[in-house]
Amino acid sequence: VRHGETVGQSSIRLYGSTDIPLSPIGEAQ
């Protein structure tokens, strides 16, 4: 399973080692 959307918009941005949390949309996904 791929993790959900993040506060940094992982749907369009390159977040690899950056430790960002899920967004509310990611939690819902």
mmCIF file of all heavy atoms, coordinates in Angstrom:
data_MODEL
# 
_entry.id   MODEL 
# 
loop_
_atom_site.group_PDB 
_atom_site.id 
_atom_site.type_symbol 
_atom_site.label_atom_id 
_atom_site.label_alt_id 
_atom_site.label_comp_id 
_atom_site.label_asym_id 
_atom_site.label_entity_id 
_atom_site.label_seq_id 
_atom_site.pdbx_PDB_ins_code 
_atom_site.Cartn_x 
_atom_site.Cartn_y 
_atom_site.Cartn_z 
_atom_site.occupancy 
_atom_site.B_iso_or_equiv 
_atom_site.pdbx_formal_charge 
_atom_site.auth_seq_id 
_atom_site.auth_comp_id 
_atom_site.auth_asym_id 
_atom_site.auth_atom_id 
_atom_site.pdbx_PDB_model_num 
ATOM 1   N N   . VAL A 1 1  ? 0.853  -1.181 0.000  1.00 0.00 ? 1  VAL A N   1 
ATOM 2   C CA  . VAL A 1 1  ? 0.000  0.000  0.000  1.00 0.00 ? 1  VAL A CA  1 
ATOM 3   C C   . VAL A 1 1  ? 0.894  1.237  0.000  1.00 0.00 ? 1  VAL A C   1 
ATOM 4   O O   . VAL A 1 1  ? 1.829  1.326  0.810  1.00 0.00 ? 1  VAL A O   1 
ATOM 5   C CB  . VAL A 1 1  ? -0.922 0.040  1.238  1.00 0.00 ? 1  VAL A CB  1 
ATOM 6   C CG1 . VAL A 1 1  ? -1.865 1.244  1.170  1.00 0.00 ? 1  VAL A CG1 1 
ATOM 7   C CG2 . VAL A 1 1  ? -1.711 -1.248 1.369  1.00 0.00 ? 1  VAL A CG2 1 
ATOM 8   N N   . ARG A 1 2  ? 0.592  2.175  -0.882 1.00 0.00 ? 2  ARG A N   1 
ATOM 9   C CA  . ARG A 1 2  ? 1.314  3.453  -0.808 1.00 0.00 ? 2  ARG A CA  1 
ATOM 10  C C   . ARG A 1 2  ? 0.646  4.342  0.235  1.00 0.00 ? 2  ARG A C   1 
ATOM 11  O O   . ARG A 1 2  ? -0.581 4.352  0.373  1.00 0.00 ? 2  ARG A O   1 
ATOM 12  C CB  . ARG A 1 2  ? 1.315  4.166  -2.163 1.00 0.00 ? 2  ARG A CB  1 
ATOM 13  C CG  . ARG A 1 2  ? 2.191  5.433  -2.128 1.00 0.00 ? 2  ARG A CG  1 
ATOM 14  C CD  . ARG A 1 2  ? 2.159  6.211  -3.423 1.00 0.00 ? 2  ARG A CD  1 
ATOM 15  N NE  . ARG A 1 2  ? 2.912  7.443  -3.291 1.00 0.00 ? 2  ARG A NE  1 
ATOM 16  C CZ  . ARG A 1 2  ? 2.874  8.457  -4.168 1.00 0.00 ? 2  ARG A CZ  1 
ATOM 17  N NH1 . ARG A 1 2  ? 2.110  8.374  -5.240 1.00 0.00 ? 2  ARG A NH1 1 
ATOM 18  N NH2 . ARG A 1 2  ? 3.575  9.550  -3.951 1.00 0.00 ? 2  ARG A NH2 1 
ATOM 19  N N   . HIS A 1 3  ? 1.468  5.079  0.975  1.00 0.00 ? 3  HIS A N   1 
ATOM 20  C CA  . HIS A 1 3  ? 0.935  6.012  1.972  1.00 0.00 ? 3  HIS A CA  1 
ATOM 21  C C   . HIS A 1 3  ? 0.008  7.028  1.311  1.00 0.00 ? 3  HIS A C   1 
ATOM 22  O O   . HIS A 1 3  ? -0.021 7.187  0.091  1.00 0.00 ? 3  HIS A O   1 
ATOM 23  C CB  . HIS A 1 3  ? 2.078  6.731  2.695  1.00 0.00 ? 3  HIS A CB  1 
ATOM 24  C CG  . HIS A 1 3  ? 2.896  7.607  1.797  1.00 0.00 ? 3  HIS A CG  1 
ATOM 25  N ND1 . HIS A 1 3  ? 2.471  8.860  1.359  1.00 0.00 ? 3  HIS A ND1 1 
ATOM 26  C CD2 . HIS A 1 3  ? 4.115  7.432  1.243  1.00 0.00 ? 3  HIS A CD2 1 
ATOM 27  C CE1 . HIS A 1 3  ? 3.385  9.405  0.591  1.00 0.00 ? 3  HIS A CE1 1 
ATOM 28  N NE2 . HIS A 1 3  ? 4.402  8.556  0.486  1.00 0.00 ? 3  HIS A NE2 1 
ATOM 29  N N   . GLY A 1 4  ? -0.721 7.775  2.117  1.00 0.00 ? 4  GLY A N   1 
ATOM 30  C CA  . GLY A 1 4  ? -1.653 8.765  1.601  1.00 0.00 ? 4  GLY A CA  1 
ATOM 31  C C   . GLY A 1 4  ? -1.002 10.114 1.310  1.00 0.00 ? 4  GLY A C   1 
ATOM 32  O O   . GLY A 1 4  ? 0.205  10.316 1.536  1.00 0.00 ? 4  GLY A O   1 
ATOM 33  N N   . GLU A 1 5  ? -1.832 11.031 0.826  1.00 0.00 ? 5  GLU A N   1 
ATOM 34  C CA  . GLU A 1 5  ? -1.368 12.384 0.521  1.00 0.00 ? 5  GLU A CA  1 
ATOM 35  C C   . GLU A 1 5  ? -0.800 13.051 1.780  1.00 0.00 ? 5  GLU A C   1 
ATOM 36  O O   . GLU A 1 5  ? -1.238 12.767 2.895  1.00 0.00 ? 5  GLU A O   1 
ATOM 37  C CB  . GLU A 1 5  ? -2.526 13.208 -0.046 1.00 0.00 ? 5  GLU A CB  1 
ATOM 38  C CG  . GLU A 1 5  ? -2.203 14.661 -0.354 1.00 0.00 ? 5  GLU A CG  1 
ATOM 39  C CD  . GLU A 1 5  ? -1.154 14.837 -1.439 1.00 0.00 ? 5  GLU A CD  1 
ATOM 40  O OE1 . GLU A 1 5  ? 0.005  14.467 -1.202 1.00 0.00 ? 5  GLU A OE1 1 
ATOM 41  O OE2 . GLU A 1 5  ? -1.501 15.344 -2.515 1.00 0.00 ? 5  GLU A OE2 1 
ATOM 42  N N   . THR A 1 6  ? 0.168  13.919 1.576  1.00 0.00 ? 6  THR A N   1 
ATOM 43  C CA  . THR A 1 6  ? 0.841  14.580 2.697  1.00 0.00 ? 6  THR A CA  1 
ATOM 44  C C   . THR A 1 6  ? 0.560  16.080 2.690  1.00 0.00 ? 6  THR A C   1 
ATOM 45  O O   . THR A 1 6  ? 0.039  16.634 1.726  1.00 0.00 ? 6  THR A O   1 
ATOM 46  C CB  . THR A 1 6  ? 2.358  14.366 2.615  1.00 0.00 ? 6  THR A CB  1 
ATOM 47  O OG1 . THR A 1 6  ? 2.854  15.052 1.443  1.00 0.00 ? 6  THR A OG1 1 
ATOM 48  C CG2 . THR A 1 6  ? 2.706  12.887 2.532  1.00 0.00 ? 6  THR A CG2 1 
ATOM 49  N N   . VAL A 1 7  ? 0.976  16.739 3.760  1.00 0.00 ? 7  VAL A N   1 
ATOM 50  C CA  . VAL A 1 7  ? 0.820  18.194 3.832  1.00 0.00 ? 7  VAL A CA  1 
ATOM 51  C C   . VAL A 1 7  ? 1.683  18.872 2.774  1.00 0.00 ? 7  VAL A C   1 
ATOM 52  O O   . VAL A 1 7  ? 1.430  20.011 2.406  1.00 0.00 ? 7  VAL A O   1 
ATOM 53  C CB  . VAL A 1 7  ? 1.183  18.724 5.232  1.00 0.00 ? 7  VAL A CB  1 
ATOM 54  C CG1 . VAL A 1 7  ? 0.221  18.195 6.278  1.00 0.00 ? 7  VAL A CG1 1 
ATOM 55  C CG2 . VAL A 1 7  ? 2.619  18.371 5.608  1.00 0.00 ? 7  VAL A CG2 1 
ATOM 56  N N   . GLY A 1 8  ? 2.693  18.204 2.267  1.00 0.00 ? 8  GLY A N   1 
ATOM 57  C CA  . GLY A 1 8  ? 3.566  18.780 1.247  1.00 0.00 ? 8  GLY A CA  1 
ATOM 58  C C   . GLY A 1 8  ? 3.189  18.397 -0.170 1.00 0.00 ? 8  GLY A C   1 
ATOM 59  O O   . GLY A 1 8  ? 3.964  18.641 -1.087 1.00 0.00 ? 8  GLY A O   1 
ATOM 60  N N   . GLN A 1 9  ? 2.006  17.793 -0.343 1.00 0.00 ? 9  GLN A N   1 
ATOM 61  C CA  . GLN A 1 9  ? 1.520  17.385 -1.669 1.00 0.00 ? 9  GLN A CA  1 
ATOM 62  C C   . GLN A 1 9  ? 2.444  16.379 -2.351 1.00 0.00 ? 9  GLN A C   1 
ATOM 63  O O   . GLN A 1 9  ? 3.051  16.655 -3.388 1.00 0.00 ? 9  GLN A O   1 
ATOM 64  C CB  . GLN A 1 9  ? 1.325  18.596 -2.583 1.00 0.00 ? 9  GLN A CB  1 
ATOM 65  C CG  . GLN A 1 9  ? 0.148  19.485 -2.213 1.00 0.00 ? 9  GLN A CG  1 
ATOM 66  C CD  . GLN A 1 9  ? -0.044 20.569 -3.259 1.00 0.00 ? 9  GLN A CD  1 
ATOM 67  O OE1 . GLN A 1 9  ? 0.756  21.490 -3.365 1.00 0.00 ? 9  GLN A OE1 1 
ATOM 68  N NE2 . GLN A 1 9  ? -1.102 20.453 -4.037 1.00 0.00 ? 9  GLN A NE2 1 
ATOM 69  N N   . SER A 1 10 ? 2.537  15.206 -1.787 1.00 0.00 ? 10 SER A N   1 
ATOM 70  C CA  . SER A 1 10 ? 3.331  14.141 -2.393 1.00 0.00 ? 10 SER A CA  1 
ATOM 71  C C   . SER A 1 10 ? 2.788  13.705 -3.747 1.00 0.00 ? 10 SER A C   1 
ATOM 72  O O   . SER A 1 10 ? 3.476  13.012 -4.494 1.00 0.00 ? 10 SER A O   1 
ATOM 73  C CB  . SER A 1 10 ? 3.391  12.933 -1.451 1.00 0.00 ? 10 SER A CB  1 
ATOM 74  O OG  . SER A 1 10 ? 4.200  13.216 -0.330 1.00 0.00 ? 10 SER A OG  1 
ATOM 75  N N   . SER A 1 11 ? 1.563  14.103 -4.068 1.00 0.00 ? 11 SER A N   1 
ATOM 76  C CA  . SER A 1 11 ? 0.992  13.774 -5.376 1.00 0.00 ? 11 SER A CA  1 
ATOM 77  C C   . SER A 1 11 ? 1.740  14.473 -6.502 1.00 0.00 ? 11 SER A C   1 
ATOM 78  O O   . SER A 1 11 ? 1.733  14.004 -7.643 1.00 0.00 ? 11 SER A O   1 
ATOM 79  C CB  . SER A 1 11 ? -0.491 14.157 -5.426 1.00 0.00 ? 11 SER A CB  1 
ATOM 80  O OG  . SER A 1 11 ? -0.675 15.515 -5.051 1.00 0.00 ? 11 SER A OG  1 
ATOM 81  N N   . ILE A 1 12 ? 2.410  15.599 -6.200 1.00 0.00 ? 12 ILE A N   1 
ATOM 82  C CA  . ILE A 1 12 ? 3.121  16.328 -7.255 1.00 0.00 ? 12 ILE A CA  1 
ATOM 83  C C   . ILE A 1 12 ? 4.564  16.670 -6.887 1.00 0.00 ? 12 ILE A C   1 
ATOM 84  O O   . ILE A 1 12 ? 5.352  17.011 -7.775 1.00 0.00 ? 12 ILE A O   1 
ATOM 85  C CB  . ILE A 1 12 ? 2.384  17.633 -7.634 1.00 0.00 ? 12 ILE A CB  1 
ATOM 86  C CG1 . ILE A 1 12 ? 2.293  18.582 -6.434 1.00 0.00 ? 12 ILE A CG1 1 
ATOM 87  C CG2 . ILE A 1 12 ? 1.011  17.328 -8.200 1.00 0.00 ? 12 ILE A CG2 1 
ATOM 88  C CD1 . ILE A 1 12 ? 1.773  19.966 -6.777 1.00 0.00 ? 12 ILE A CD1 1 
ATOM 89  N N   . ARG A 1 13 ? 4.936  16.556 -5.611 1.00 0.00 ? 13 ARG A N   1 
ATOM 90  C CA  . ARG A 1 13 ? 6.258  17.006 -5.177 1.00 0.00 ? 13 ARG A CA  1 
ATOM 91  C C   . ARG A 1 13 ? 7.151  15.844 -4.738 1.00 0.00 ? 13 ARG A C   1 
ATOM 92  O O   . ARG A 1 13 ? 6.672  14.806 -4.297 1.00 0.00 ? 13 ARG A O   1 
ATOM 93  C CB  . ARG A 1 13 ? 6.144  18.031 -4.043 1.00 0.00 ? 13 ARG A CB  1 
ATOM 94  C CG  . ARG A 1 13 ? 5.454  19.298 -4.505 1.00 0.00 ? 13 ARG A CG  1 
ATOM 95  C CD  . ARG A 1 13 ? 5.614  20.468 -3.559 1.00 0.00 ? 13 ARG A CD  1 
ATOM 96  N NE  . ARG A 1 13 ? 5.043  21.664 -4.184 1.00 0.00 ? 13 ARG A NE  1 
ATOM 97  C CZ  . ARG A 1 13 ? 5.726  22.460 -4.990 1.00 0.00 ? 13 ARG A CZ  1 
ATOM 98  N NH1 . ARG A 1 13 ? 7.007  22.220 -5.244 1.00 0.00 ? 13 ARG A NH1 1 
ATOM 99  N NH2 . ARG A 1 13 ? 5.144  23.513 -5.539 1.00 0.00 ? 13 ARG A NH2 1 
ATOM 100 N N   . LEU A 1 14 ? 8.458  16.062 -4.862 1.00 0.00 ? 14 LEU A N   1 
ATOM 101 C CA  . LEU A 1 14 ? 9.453  15.044 -4.556 1.00 0.00 ? 14 LEU A CA  1 
ATOM 102 C C   . LEU A 1 14 ? 9.837  15.106 -3.080 1.00 0.00 ? 14 LEU A C   1 
ATOM 103 O O   . LEU A 1 14 ? 10.725 15.858 -2.683 1.00 0.00 ? 14 LEU A O   1 
ATOM 104 C CB  . LEU A 1 14 ? 10.698 15.245 -5.433 1.00 0.00 ? 14 LEU A CB  1 
ATOM 105 C CG  . LEU A 1 14 ? 10.467 15.178 -6.943 1.00 0.00 ? 14 LEU A CG  1 
ATOM 106 C CD1 . LEU A 1 14 ? 11.723 15.613 -7.686 1.00 0.00 ? 14 LEU A CD1 1 
ATOM 107 C CD2 . LEU A 1 14 ? 10.049 13.776 -7.351 1.00 0.00 ? 14 LEU A CD2 1 
ATOM 108 N N   . TYR A 1 15 ? 9.134  14.333 -2.276 1.00 0.00 ? 15 TYR A N   1 
ATOM 109 C CA  . TYR A 1 15 ? 9.492  14.211 -0.865 1.00 0.00 ? 15 TYR A CA  1 
ATOM 110 C C   . TYR A 1 15 ? 10.011 12.803 -0.636 1.00 0.00 ? 15 TYR A C   1 
ATOM 111 O O   . TYR A 1 15 ? 9.257  11.838 -0.677 1.00 0.00 ? 15 TYR A O   1 
ATOM 112 C CB  . TYR A 1 15 ? 8.291  14.507 0.029  1.00 0.00 ? 15 TYR A CB  1 
ATOM 113 C CG  . TYR A 1 15 ? 7.961  15.973 0.083  1.00 0.00 ? 15 TYR A CG  1 
ATOM 114 C CD1 . TYR A 1 15 ? 6.844  16.478 -0.574 1.00 0.00 ? 15 TYR A CD1 1 
ATOM 115 C CD2 . TYR A 1 15 ? 8.793  16.869 0.758  1.00 0.00 ? 15 TYR A CD2 1 
ATOM 116 C CE1 . TYR A 1 15 ? 6.560  17.827 -0.544 1.00 0.00 ? 15 TYR A CE1 1 
ATOM 117 C CE2 . TYR A 1 15 ? 8.510  18.221 0.798  1.00 0.00 ? 15 TYR A CE2 1 
ATOM 118 C CZ  . TYR A 1 15 ? 7.389  18.696 0.144  1.00 0.00 ? 15 TYR A CZ  1 
ATOM 119 O OH  . TYR A 1 15 ? 7.116  20.038 0.165  1.00 0.00 ? 15 TYR A OH  1 
ATOM 120 N N   . GLY A 1 16 ? 11.307 12.692 -0.435 1.00 0.00 ? 16 GLY A N   1 
ATOM 121 C CA  . GLY A 1 16 ? 11.916 11.398 -0.190 1.00 0.00 ? 16 GLY A CA  1 
ATOM 122 C C   . GLY A 1 16 ? 12.318 11.277 1.262  1.00 0.00 ? 16 GLY A C   1 
ATOM 123 O O   . GLY A 1 16 ? 11.611 10.689 2.077  1.00 0.00 ? 16 GLY A O   1 
ATOM 124 N N   . SER A 1 17 ? 13.450 11.867 1.619  1.00 0.00 ? 17 SER A N   1 
ATOM 125 C CA  . SER A 1 17 ? 13.949 11.783 2.991  1.00 0.00 ? 17 SER A CA  1 
ATOM 126 C C   . SER A 1 17 ? 13.271 12.773 3.920  1.00 0.00 ? 17 SER A C   1 
ATOM 127 O O   . SER A 1 17 ? 13.385 12.664 5.137  1.00 0.00 ? 17 SER A O   1 
ATOM 128 C CB  . SER A 1 17 ? 15.461 12.034 3.001  1.00 0.00 ? 17 SER A CB  1 
ATOM 129 O OG  . SER A 1 17 ? 15.763 13.335 2.529  1.00 0.00 ? 17 SER A OG  1 
ATOM 130 N N   . THR A 1 18 ? 12.555 13.768 3.373  1.00 0.00 ? 18 THR A N   1 
ATOM 131 C CA  . THR A 1 18 ? 11.862 14.748 4.202  1.00 0.00 ? 18 THR A CA  1 
ATOM 132 C C   . THR A 1 18 ? 10.723 14.062 4.951  1.00 0.00 ? 18 THR A C   1 
ATOM 133 O O   . THR A 1 18 ? 9.870  13.417 4.334  1.00 0.00 ? 18 THR A O   1 
ATOM 134 C CB  . THR A 1 18 ? 11.303 15.893 3.344  1.00 0.00 ? 18 THR A CB  1 
ATOM 135 O OG1 . THR A 1 18 ? 12.368 16.464 2.579  1.00 0.00 ? 18 THR A OG1 1 
ATOM 136 C CG2 . THR A 1 18 ? 10.689 16.970 4.222  1.00 0.00 ? 18 THR A CG2 1 
ATOM 137 N N   . ASP A 1 19 ? 10.703 14.211 6.257  1.00 0.00 ? 19 ASP A N   1 
ATOM 138 C CA  . ASP A 1 19 ? 9.735  13.477 7.085  1.00 0.00 ? 19 ASP A CA  1 
ATOM 139 C C   . ASP A 1 19 ? 8.489  14.330 7.327  1.00 0.00 ? 19 ASP A C   1 
ATOM 140 O O   . ASP A 1 19 ? 8.349  14.987 8.353  1.00 0.00 ? 19 ASP A O   1 
ATOM 141 C CB  . ASP A 1 19 ? 10.378 13.077 8.413  1.00 0.00 ? 19 ASP A CB  1 
ATOM 142 C CG  . ASP A 1 19 ? 9.615  11.978 9.135  1.00 0.00 ? 19 ASP A CG  1 
ATOM 143 O OD1 . ASP A 1 19 ? 8.681  11.403 8.533  1.00 0.00 ? 19 ASP A OD1 1 
ATOM 144 O OD2 . ASP A 1 19 ? 9.946  11.700 10.306 1.00 0.00 ? 19 ASP A OD2 1 
ATOM 145 N N   . ILE A 1 20 ? 7.588  14.314 6.363  1.00 0.00 ? 20 ILE A N   1 
ATOM 146 C CA  . ILE A 1 20 ? 6.376  15.121 6.443  1.00 0.00 ? 20 ILE A CA  1 
ATOM 147 C C   . ILE A 1 20 ? 5.177  14.247 6.802  1.00 0.00 ? 20 ILE A C   1 
ATOM 148 O O   . ILE A 1 20 ? 5.121  13.073 6.463  1.00 0.00 ? 20 ILE A O   1 
ATOM 149 C CB  . ILE A 1 20 ? 6.123  15.864 5.119  1.00 0.00 ? 20 ILE A CB  1 
ATOM 150 C CG1 . ILE A 1 20 ? 6.158  14.903 3.932  1.00 0.00 ? 20 ILE A CG1 1 
ATOM 151 C CG2 . ILE A 1 20 ? 7.128  16.986 4.927  1.00 0.00 ? 20 ILE A CG2 1 
ATOM 152 C CD1 . ILE A 1 20 ? 5.820  15.541 2.606  1.00 0.00 ? 20 ILE A CD1 1 
ATOM 153 N N   . PRO A 1 21 ? 4.173  14.825 7.490  1.00 0.00 ? 21 PRO A N   1 
ATOM 154 C CA  . PRO A 1 21 ? 3.008  14.034 7.918  1.00 0.00 ? 21 PRO A CA  1 
ATOM 155 C C   . PRO A 1 21 ? 1.940  13.927 6.844  1.00 0.00 ? 21 PRO A C   1 
ATOM 156 O O   . PRO A 1 21 ? 1.963  14.632 5.829  1.00 0.00 ? 21 PRO A O   1 
ATOM 157 C CB  . PRO A 1 21 ? 2.482  14.839 9.115  1.00 0.00 ? 21 PRO A CB  1 
ATOM 158 C CG  . PRO A 1 21 ? 2.833  16.256 8.781  1.00 0.00 ? 21 PRO A CG  1 
ATOM 159 C CD  . PRO A 1 21 ? 4.169  16.183 8.072  1.00 0.00 ? 21 PRO A CD  1 
ATOM 160 N N   . LEU A 1 22 ? 0.993  13.055 7.087  1.00 0.00 ? 22 LEU A N   1 
ATOM 161 C CA  . LEU A 1 22 ? -0.177 12.942 6.227  1.00 0.00 ? 22 LEU A CA  1 
ATOM 162 C C   . LEU A 1 22 ? -1.039 14.191 6.344  1.00 0.00 ? 22 LEU A C   1 
ATOM 163 O O   . LEU A 1 22 ? -1.107 14.823 7.392  1.00 0.00 ? 22 LEU A O   1 
ATOM 164 C CB  . LEU A 1 22 ? -1.031 11.738 6.623  1.00 0.00 ? 22 LEU A CB  1 
ATOM 165 C CG  . LEU A 1 22 ? -0.497 10.327 6.366  1.00 0.00 ? 22 LEU A CG  1 
ATOM 166 C CD1 . LEU A 1 22 ? -1.543 9.308  6.803  1.00 0.00 ? 22 LEU A CD1 1 
ATOM 167 C CD2 . LEU A 1 22 ? -0.120 10.119 4.916  1.00 0.00 ? 22 LEU A CD2 1 
ATOM 168 N N   . SER A 1 23 ? -1.714 14.514 5.260  1.00 0.00 ? 23 SER A N   1 
ATOM 169 C CA  . SER A 1 23 ? -2.724 15.567 5.275  1.00 0.00 ? 23 SER A CA  1 
ATOM 170 C C   . SER A 1 23 ? -4.071 14.930 5.647  1.00 0.00 ? 23 SER A C   1 
ATOM 171 O O   . SER A 1 23 ? -4.200 13.699 5.663  1.00 0.00 ? 23 SER A O   1 
ATOM 172 C CB  . SER A 1 23 ? -2.822 16.213 3.895  1.00 0.00 ? 23 SER A CB  1 
ATOM 173 O OG  . SER A 1 23 ? -3.384 15.292 2.968  1.00 0.00 ? 23 SER A OG  1 
ATOM 174 N N   . PRO A 1 24 ? -5.100 15.744 5.908  1.00 0.00 ? 24 PRO A N   1 
ATOM 175 C CA  . PRO A 1 24 ? -6.427 15.161 6.146  1.00 0.00 ? 24 PRO A CA  1 
ATOM 176 C C   . PRO A 1 24 ? -6.910 14.291 4.983  1.00 0.00 ? 24 PRO A C   1 
ATOM 177 O O   . PRO A 1 24 ? -7.546 13.259 5.207  1.00 0.00 ? 24 PRO A O   1 
ATOM 178 C CB  . PRO A 1 24 ? -7.313 16.399 6.333  1.00 0.00 ? 24 PRO A CB  1 
ATOM 179 C CG  . PRO A 1 24 ? -6.385 17.426 6.912  1.00 0.00 ? 24 PRO A CG  1 
ATOM 180 C CD  . PRO A 1 24 ? -5.078 17.189 6.202  1.00 0.00 ? 24 PRO A CD  1 
ATOM 181 N N   . ILE A 1 25 ? -6.577 14.688 3.742  1.00 0.00 ? 25 ILE A N   1 
ATOM 182 C CA  . ILE A 1 25 ? -6.950 13.843 2.592  1.00 0.00 ? 25 ILE A CA  1 
ATOM 183 C C   . ILE A 1 25 ? -6.221 12.507 2.669  1.00 0.00 ? 25 ILE A C   1 
ATOM 184 O O   . ILE A 1 25 ? -6.798 11.447 2.408  1.00 0.00 ? 25 ILE A O   1 
ATOM 185 C CB  . ILE A 1 25 ? -6.636 14.558 1.267  1.00 0.00 ? 25 ILE A CB  1 
ATOM 186 C CG1 . ILE A 1 25 ? -7.583 15.723 1.049  1.00 0.00 ? 25 ILE A CG1 1 
ATOM 187 C CG2 . ILE A 1 25 ? -6.729 13.579 0.079  1.00 0.00 ? 25 ILE A CG2 1 
ATOM 188 C CD1 . ILE A 1 25 ? -7.289 16.541 -0.195 1.00 0.00 ? 25 ILE A CD1 1 
ATOM 189 N N   . GLY A 1 26 ? -4.941 12.535 3.047  1.00 0.00 ? 26 GLY A N   1 
ATOM 190 C CA  . GLY A 1 26 ? -4.172 11.304 3.182  1.00 0.00 ? 26 GLY A CA  1 
ATOM 191 C C   . GLY A 1 26 ? -4.750 10.382 4.242  1.00 0.00 ? 26 GLY A C   1 
ATOM 192 O O   . GLY A 1 26 ? -4.797 9.152  4.059  1.00 0.00 ? 26 GLY A O   1 
ATOM 193 N N   . GLU A 1 27 ? -5.182 10.962 5.347  1.00 0.00 ? 27 GLU A N   1 
ATOM 194 C CA  . GLU A 1 27 ? -5.817 10.158 6.400  1.00 0.00 ? 27 GLU A CA  1 
ATOM 195 C C   . GLU A 1 27 ? -7.087 9.489  5.851  1.00 0.00 ? 27 GLU A C   1 
ATOM 196 O O   . GLU A 1 27 ? -7.346 8.314  6.121  1.00 0.00 ? 27 GLU A O   1 
ATOM 197 C CB  . GLU A 1 27 ? -6.162 11.048 7.583  1.00 0.00 ? 27 GLU A CB  1 
ATOM 198 C CG  . GLU A 1 27 ? -4.951 11.663 8.290  1.00 0.00 ? 27 GLU A CG  1 
ATOM 199 C CD  . GLU A 1 27 ? -4.546 10.915 9.541  1.00 0.00 ? 27 GLU A CD  1 
ATOM 200 O OE1 . GLU A 1 27 ? -5.341 10.089 10.033 1.00 0.00 ? 27 GLU A OE1 1 
ATOM 201 O OE2 . GLU A 1 27 ? -3.427 11.168 10.033 1.00 0.00 ? 27 GLU A OE2 1 
ATOM 202 N N   . ALA A 1 28 ? -7.862 10.241 5.076  1.00 0.00 ? 28 ALA A N   1 
ATOM 203 C CA  . ALA A 1 28 ? -9.090 9.685  4.504  1.00 0.00 ? 28 ALA A CA  1 
ATOM 204 C C   . ALA A 1 28 ? -8.794 8.588  3.488  1.00 0.00 ? 28 ALA A C   1 
ATOM 205 O O   . ALA A 1 28 ? -9.483 7.562  3.442  1.00 0.00 ? 28 ALA A O   1 
ATOM 206 C CB  . ALA A 1 28 ? -9.906 10.807 3.857  1.00 0.00 ? 28 ALA A CB  1 
ATOM 207 N N   . GLN A 1 29 ? -7.759 8.799  2.667  1.00 0.00 ? 29 GLN A N   1 
ATOM 208 C CA  . GLN A 1 29 ? -7.380 7.778  1.683  1.00 0.00 ? 29 GLN A CA  1 
ATOM 209 C C   . GLN A 1 29 ? -7.034 6.463  2.373  1.00 0.00 ? 29 GLN A C   1 
ATOM 210 O O   . GLN A 1 29 ? -7.459 5.385  1.940  1.00 0.00 ? 29 GLN A O   1 
ATOM 211 C CB  . GLN A 1 29 ? -6.191 8.262  0.859  1.00 0.00 ? 29 GLN A CB  1 
ATOM 212 C CG  . GLN A 1 29 ? -6.523 9.343  -0.151 1.00 0.00 ? 29 GLN A CG  1 
ATOM 213 C CD  . GLN A 1 29 ? -5.276 9.938  -0.779 1.00 0.00 ? 29 GLN A CD  1 
ATOM 214 O OE1 . GLN A 1 29 ? -4.251 10.067 -0.133 1.00 0.00 ? 29 GLN A OE1 1 
ATOM 215 N NE2 . GLN A 1 29 ? -5.374 10.299 -2.050 1.00 0.00 ? 29 GLN A NE2 1 
# 
